[in-house]
């Protein structure tokens, strides 16, 4: 056999070997990807099985809503067919949790109405929770779930810590004298009928956080889409879910659907 033919045969065998090696590598990569995808799906399913307690705390049933009626002082504020609260004078403001629901769900580490000193008003405040309707606090341990001096993660719906300190909010210029505790105090008073010059600013803050194009709502939806899990899986960004709850909003199937479409279109 001449040398030219030998070189051609060796070259052919080498090429064939490389192709086989490439095919094997691709096959292994596909198998690895398949296992990863399968594991991710399995993880979501396992999470859904093991976090029934958390989900139960995070989602109140329709029957519960029927049996736990709001007090007469707030009964004029109704929810529309989408579960959003409707304020006739501010129709663009659409939270879907009442102040009572926020408190009853487990929020702020139980510290929101704790005694504070306001650097804005230069005054001390204590027992401010007394201004709330009694039924909002029904069944709650005031010293642990409403006015605790110590932040308790286990009080929160998602059992995580979130939010900045009062001092941080004050130094950022977000707190004004009429509501020294902050946005949620404003919301409690607004919900009960009070109207002030600060309403538009506070509603704008809500929109930027939890509105249709709100930062935290978009953040949560994006993370859910990327995780491949259900919209209500509590293990997907529990900190953001808790944050949104403090802004009187909980993600709904419809909101997730529309938000996910925008995320996927990007």
Protein backbone atom coordinates (compact mmCIF):
# COMPACT_ATOMS: atom_id res chain seq x y z
CA UNK A 1 0.00 0.00 0.00
CA UNK A 2 1.54 3.33 -0.99
CA UNK A 3 2.20 6.06 1.55
CA UNK A 4 -0.44 8.40 0.13
CA UNK A 5 -3.22 5.85 0.64
CA UNK A 6 -1.97 5.07 4.17
CA UNK A 7 -2.13 8.75 5.08
CA UNK A 8 -5.70 8.98 3.75
CA UNK A 9 -6.82 5.92 5.73
CA UNK A 10 -5.20 7.19 8.93
CA UNK A 11 -6.84 10.57 8.39
CA UNK A 12 -10.24 8.94 7.83
CA UNK A 13 -9.95 6.81 10.99
CA UNK A 14 -8.91 9.86 13.00
CA UNK A 15 -11.84 11.91 11.68
CA UNK A 16 -14.25 9.08 12.40
CA UNK A 17 -12.89 8.81 15.92
CA UNK A 18 -13.30 12.54 16.51
CA UNK A 19 -16.87 12.47 15.24
CA UNK A 20 -17.68 9.57 17.53
CA UNK A 21 -16.12 11.40 20.46
CA UNK A 22 -18.11 14.54 19.62
CA UNK A 23 -21.37 12.56 19.42
CA UNK A 24 -20.63 10.93 22.77
CA UNK A 25 -19.95 14.31 24.36
CA UNK A 26 -23.19 15.75 22.99
CA UNK A 27 -25.09 12.73 24.22
CA UNK A 28 -23.63 13.12 27.70
CA UNK A 29 -24.46 16.84 27.72
CA UNK A 30 -28.05 16.17 26.71
CA UNK A 31 -28.37 13.51 29.39
CA UNK A 32 -26.91 15.87 31.99
CA UNK A 33 -29.27 18.66 30.92
CA UNK A 34 -32.18 16.25 31.04
CA UNK A 35 -31.23 15.19 34.57
CA UNK A 36 -30.88 18.85 35.63
CA UNK A 37 -34.29 19.76 34.21
CA UNK A 38 -35.80 16.67 35.79
CA UNK A 39 -34.23 17.54 39.14
CA UNK A 40 -35.52 21.12 38.92
CA UNK A 41 -39.04 19.89 38.21
CA UNK A 42 -38.73 17.32 40.99
CA UNK A 43 -37.53 20.03 43.36
CA UNK A 44 -40.60 22.18 42.63
CA UNK A 45 -42.87 19.19 43.20
CA UNK A 46 -41.11 18.28 46.44
CA UNK A 47 -41.35 21.85 47.65
CA UNK A 48 -45.07 21.89 47.01
CA UNK A 49 -45.46 18.72 49.05
CA UNK A 50 -43.32 19.80 51.99
CA UNK A 51 -44.49 23.40 52.33
CA UNK A 52 -48.21 22.88 52.83
CA UNK A 53 -48.06 24.58 56.23
CA UNK A 54 -46.44 27.71 54.82
CA UNK A 55 -48.89 27.85 51.93
CA UNK A 56 -51.79 27.42 54.30
CA UNK A 57 -50.60 30.44 56.28
CA UNK A 58 -49.97 32.44 53.13
CA UNK A 59 -53.34 31.90 51.49
CA UNK A 60 -56.67 32.49 53.19
CA UNK A 61 -59.54 30.52 51.67
CA UNK A 62 -62.68 32.10 50.24
CA UNK A 63 -64.69 30.54 53.06
CA UNK A 64 -62.46 32.28 55.61
CA UNK A 65 -63.12 35.61 53.90
CA UNK A 66 -66.85 35.03 54.19
CA UNK A 67 -66.75 34.23 57.89
CA UNK A 68 -64.28 36.92 58.93
CA UNK A 69 -66.17 40.11 58.13
CA UNK A 70 -64.58 43.53 58.56
CA UNK A 71 -65.89 45.93 61.18
CA UNK A 72 -68.59 48.49 60.39
CA UNK A 73 -66.01 51.27 60.28
CA UNK A 74 -64.39 49.78 57.18
CA UNK A 75 -67.24 47.84 55.56
CA UNK A 76 -67.75 50.54 52.91
CA UNK A 77 -64.47 49.59 51.21
CA UNK A 78 -65.22 46.72 48.85
CA UNK A 79 -63.17 44.45 46.61
CA UNK A 80 -63.90 44.09 42.91
CA UNK A 81 -64.18 40.81 40.98
CA UNK A 82 -60.38 40.61 40.80
CA UNK A 83 -60.00 40.87 44.56
CA UNK A 84 -58.65 44.42 44.39
CA UNK A 85 -59.83 47.05 46.84
CA UNK A 86 -61.72 49.87 45.18
CA UNK A 87 -61.39 53.45 46.40
CA UNK A 88 -63.78 55.67 44.47
CA UNK A 89 -61.65 58.81 44.86
CA UNK A 90 -58.41 57.00 43.97
CA UNK A 91 -59.34 54.27 41.44
CA UNK A 92 -55.70 53.80 40.42
CA UNK A 93 -54.85 52.54 43.92
CA UNK A 94 -55.55 48.80 43.88
CA UNK A 95 -54.04 46.86 46.78
CA UNK A 96 -55.62 43.45 47.30
CA UNK A 97 -55.08 43.11 51.04
CA UNK A 98 -56.86 45.15 53.69
CA UNK A 99 -54.89 46.41 56.69
CA UNK A 100 -56.60 43.74 58.76
CA UNK A 101 -55.50 41.01 56.34
CA UNK A 102 -51.92 42.27 56.42
CA UNK A 103 -51.81 42.13 60.21
CA UNK A 104 -53.67 38.83 60.52
CA UNK A 105 -51.43 37.15 57.94
CA UNK A 106 -48.31 37.88 60.01
CA UNK A 107 -46.26 40.93 59.10
CA UNK A 108 -43.43 43.29 60.08
CA UNK A 109 -41.96 40.69 62.41
CA UNK A 110 -44.66 41.74 64.86
CA UNK A 111 -42.98 45.11 65.45
CA UNK A 112 -44.89 47.67 63.40
CA UNK A 113 -46.74 49.45 66.21
CA UNK A 114 -43.96 49.12 68.78
CA UNK A 115 -43.06 52.15 70.93
CA UNK A 116 -40.87 54.52 68.89
CA UNK A 117 -39.15 57.87 69.05
CA UNK A 118 -39.71 59.88 65.88
CA UNK A 119 -36.84 62.06 64.71
CA UNK A 120 -39.38 63.77 62.43
CA UNK A 121 -41.79 64.95 65.13
CA UNK A 122 -39.33 64.78 68.04
CA UNK A 123 -41.91 62.81 70.01
CA UNK A 124 -42.27 59.38 71.60
CA UNK A 125 -45.17 57.15 70.53
CA UNK A 126 -46.65 54.20 72.36
CA UNK A 127 -49.77 52.02 72.07
CA UNK A 128 -50.67 53.55 68.70
CA UNK A 129 -52.29 50.23 67.81
CA UNK A 130 -55.20 51.30 70.03
CA UNK A 131 -56.51 53.44 67.17
CA UNK A 132 -57.16 50.33 65.05
CA UNK A 133 -60.59 48.67 64.90
CA UNK A 134 -60.80 45.84 67.43
CA UNK A 135 -61.60 43.18 64.86
CA UNK A 136 -58.33 43.87 63.02
CA UNK A 137 -56.48 42.63 66.09
CA UNK A 138 -58.79 39.76 66.96
CA UNK A 139 -56.83 36.68 67.98
CA UNK A 140 -53.45 38.42 67.80
CA UNK A 141 -50.94 38.61 70.62
CA UNK A 142 -50.33 42.37 70.70
CA UNK A 143 -46.99 42.17 72.46
CA UNK A 144 -45.69 39.54 70.06
CA UNK A 145 -47.46 40.12 66.75
CA UNK A 146 -48.25 43.84 66.69
CA UNK A 147 -46.16 45.91 69.10
CA UNK A 148 -43.11 43.77 69.81
CA UNK A 149 -39.83 45.54 70.48
CA UNK A 150 -38.05 42.50 69.03
CA UNK A 151 -38.32 41.49 65.37
CA UNK A 152 -39.62 37.90 65.16
CA UNK A 153 -39.23 36.16 61.81
CA UNK A 154 -41.55 33.36 62.85
CA UNK A 155 -44.40 35.87 63.12
CA UNK A 156 -44.17 36.64 59.40
CA UNK A 157 -46.15 34.65 56.86
CA UNK A 158 -43.02 33.49 55.04
CA UNK A 159 -40.87 33.33 58.18
CA UNK A 160 -38.18 35.64 56.77
CA UNK A 161 -36.91 39.07 57.72
CA UNK A 162 -37.34 42.00 55.36
CA UNK A 163 -37.57 45.78 55.37
CA UNK A 164 -35.40 48.61 56.63
CA UNK A 165 -35.33 50.34 60.00
CA UNK A 166 -37.43 53.37 60.91
CA UNK A 167 -34.24 55.40 61.07
CA UNK A 168 -33.38 54.40 57.52
CA UNK A 169 -36.81 55.43 56.23
CA UNK A 170 -36.62 58.72 58.12
CA UNK A 171 -33.17 59.59 56.80
CA UNK A 172 -34.33 58.75 53.27
CA UNK A 173 -37.10 61.34 53.51
CA UNK A 174 -39.99 58.89 53.19
CA UNK A 175 -41.57 59.58 56.60
CA UNK A 176 -43.72 62.65 57.28
CA UNK A 177 -45.03 64.00 60.58
CA UNK A 178 -48.67 62.97 60.16
CA UNK A 179 -47.75 59.27 59.95
CA UNK A 180 -44.52 58.82 61.95
CA UNK A 181 -44.62 55.03 61.62
CA UNK A 182 -44.65 55.09 57.84
CA UNK A 183 -46.61 53.81 54.86
CA UNK A 184 -48.65 51.12 56.59
CA UNK A 185 -49.85 53.58 59.21
CA UNK A 186 -50.91 55.89 56.40
CA UNK A 187 -52.70 52.96 54.73
CA UNK A 188 -54.59 52.03 57.89
CA UNK A 189 -55.85 55.59 58.23
CA UNK A 190 -56.58 56.02 54.53
CA UNK A 191 -58.54 52.75 54.49
CA UNK A 192 -60.68 54.04 57.36
CA UNK A 193 -61.57 57.19 55.45
CA UNK A 194 -58.96 59.81 56.28
CA UNK A 195 -57.82 61.93 53.32
CA UNK A 196 -54.80 64.25 53.33
CA UNK A 197 -52.45 66.06 50.98
CA UNK A 198 -49.98 63.19 51.34
CA UNK A 199 -52.27 60.59 49.74
CA UNK A 200 -51.01 60.96 46.18
CA UNK A 201 -47.39 60.57 47.25
CA UNK A 202 -48.13 57.46 49.29
CA UNK A 203 -50.19 55.90 46.50
CA UNK A 204 -47.36 56.64 44.08
CA UNK A 205 -44.95 54.84 46.40
CA UNK A 206 -47.27 51.82 46.43
CA UNK A 207 -47.50 51.81 42.62
CA UNK A 208 -43.72 51.84 42.27
CA UNK A 209 -43.42 48.86 44.60
CA UNK A 210 -46.50 46.72 44.08
CA UNK A 211 -48.43 48.22 41.17
CA UNK A 212 -48.71 46.71 37.68
CA UNK A 213 -45.20 47.89 36.81
CA UNK A 214 -44.00 47.94 40.40
CA UNK A 215 -40.42 47.00 41.12
CA UNK A 216 -41.10 44.22 43.62
CA UNK A 217 -44.04 42.70 41.78
CA UNK A 218 -41.96 42.50 38.59
CA UNK A 219 -39.02 41.12 40.56
CA UNK A 220 -41.12 38.32 42.02
CA UNK A 221 -42.75 37.37 38.72
CA UNK A 222 -39.36 37.25 36.99
CA UNK A 223 -37.96 34.93 39.64
CA UNK A 224 -40.98 32.63 39.42
CA UNK A 225 -40.73 32.41 35.62
CA UNK A 226 -37.05 31.52 35.85
CA UNK A 227 -37.64 28.94 38.58
CA UNK A 228 -40.28 27.05 36.63
CA UNK A 229 -42.35 26.72 39.81
CA UNK A 230 -45.95 27.75 40.46
CA UNK A 231 -46.88 31.39 41.03
CA UNK A 232 -47.81 30.65 44.64
CA UNK A 233 -44.81 28.51 45.59
CA UNK A 234 -43.71 30.17 48.87
CA UNK A 235 -40.09 29.08 48.54
CA UNK A 236 -39.58 31.25 45.45
CA UNK A 237 -38.37 34.58 46.83
CA UNK A 238 -40.12 34.57 50.23
CA UNK A 239 -38.46 37.87 51.15
CA UNK A 240 -40.03 39.65 48.17
CA UNK A 241 -43.39 38.01 48.89
CA UNK A 242 -43.22 39.24 52.48
CA UNK A 243 -42.21 42.71 51.30
CA UNK A 244 -45.18 42.89 48.93
CA UNK A 245 -47.47 41.78 51.74
CA UNK A 246 -46.28 44.74 53.79
CA UNK A 247 -47.43 46.88 50.87
CA UNK A 248 -50.87 45.22 50.98
CA UNK A 249 -50.37 43.08 47.90
CA UNK A 250 -50.29 39.34 47.23
CA UNK A 251 -49.60 37.93 43.77
CA UNK A 252 -52.67 36.48 42.04
CA UNK A 253 -52.87 33.96 39.16
CA UNK A 254 -54.15 36.64 36.78
CA UNK A 255 -51.45 39.16 37.72
CA UNK A 256 -48.81 36.47 37.35
CA UNK A 257 -50.09 35.46 33.92
CA UNK A 258 -49.95 39.00 32.55
CA UNK A 259 -46.63 39.74 34.22
CA UNK A 260 -45.06 36.51 32.99
CA UNK A 261 -46.03 37.37 29.41
CA UNK A 262 -44.10 40.64 29.70
CA UNK A 263 -41.09 38.89 31.22
CA UNK A 264 -40.98 36.24 28.48
CA UNK A 265 -41.33 38.89 25.78
CA UNK A 266 -38.18 40.69 26.94
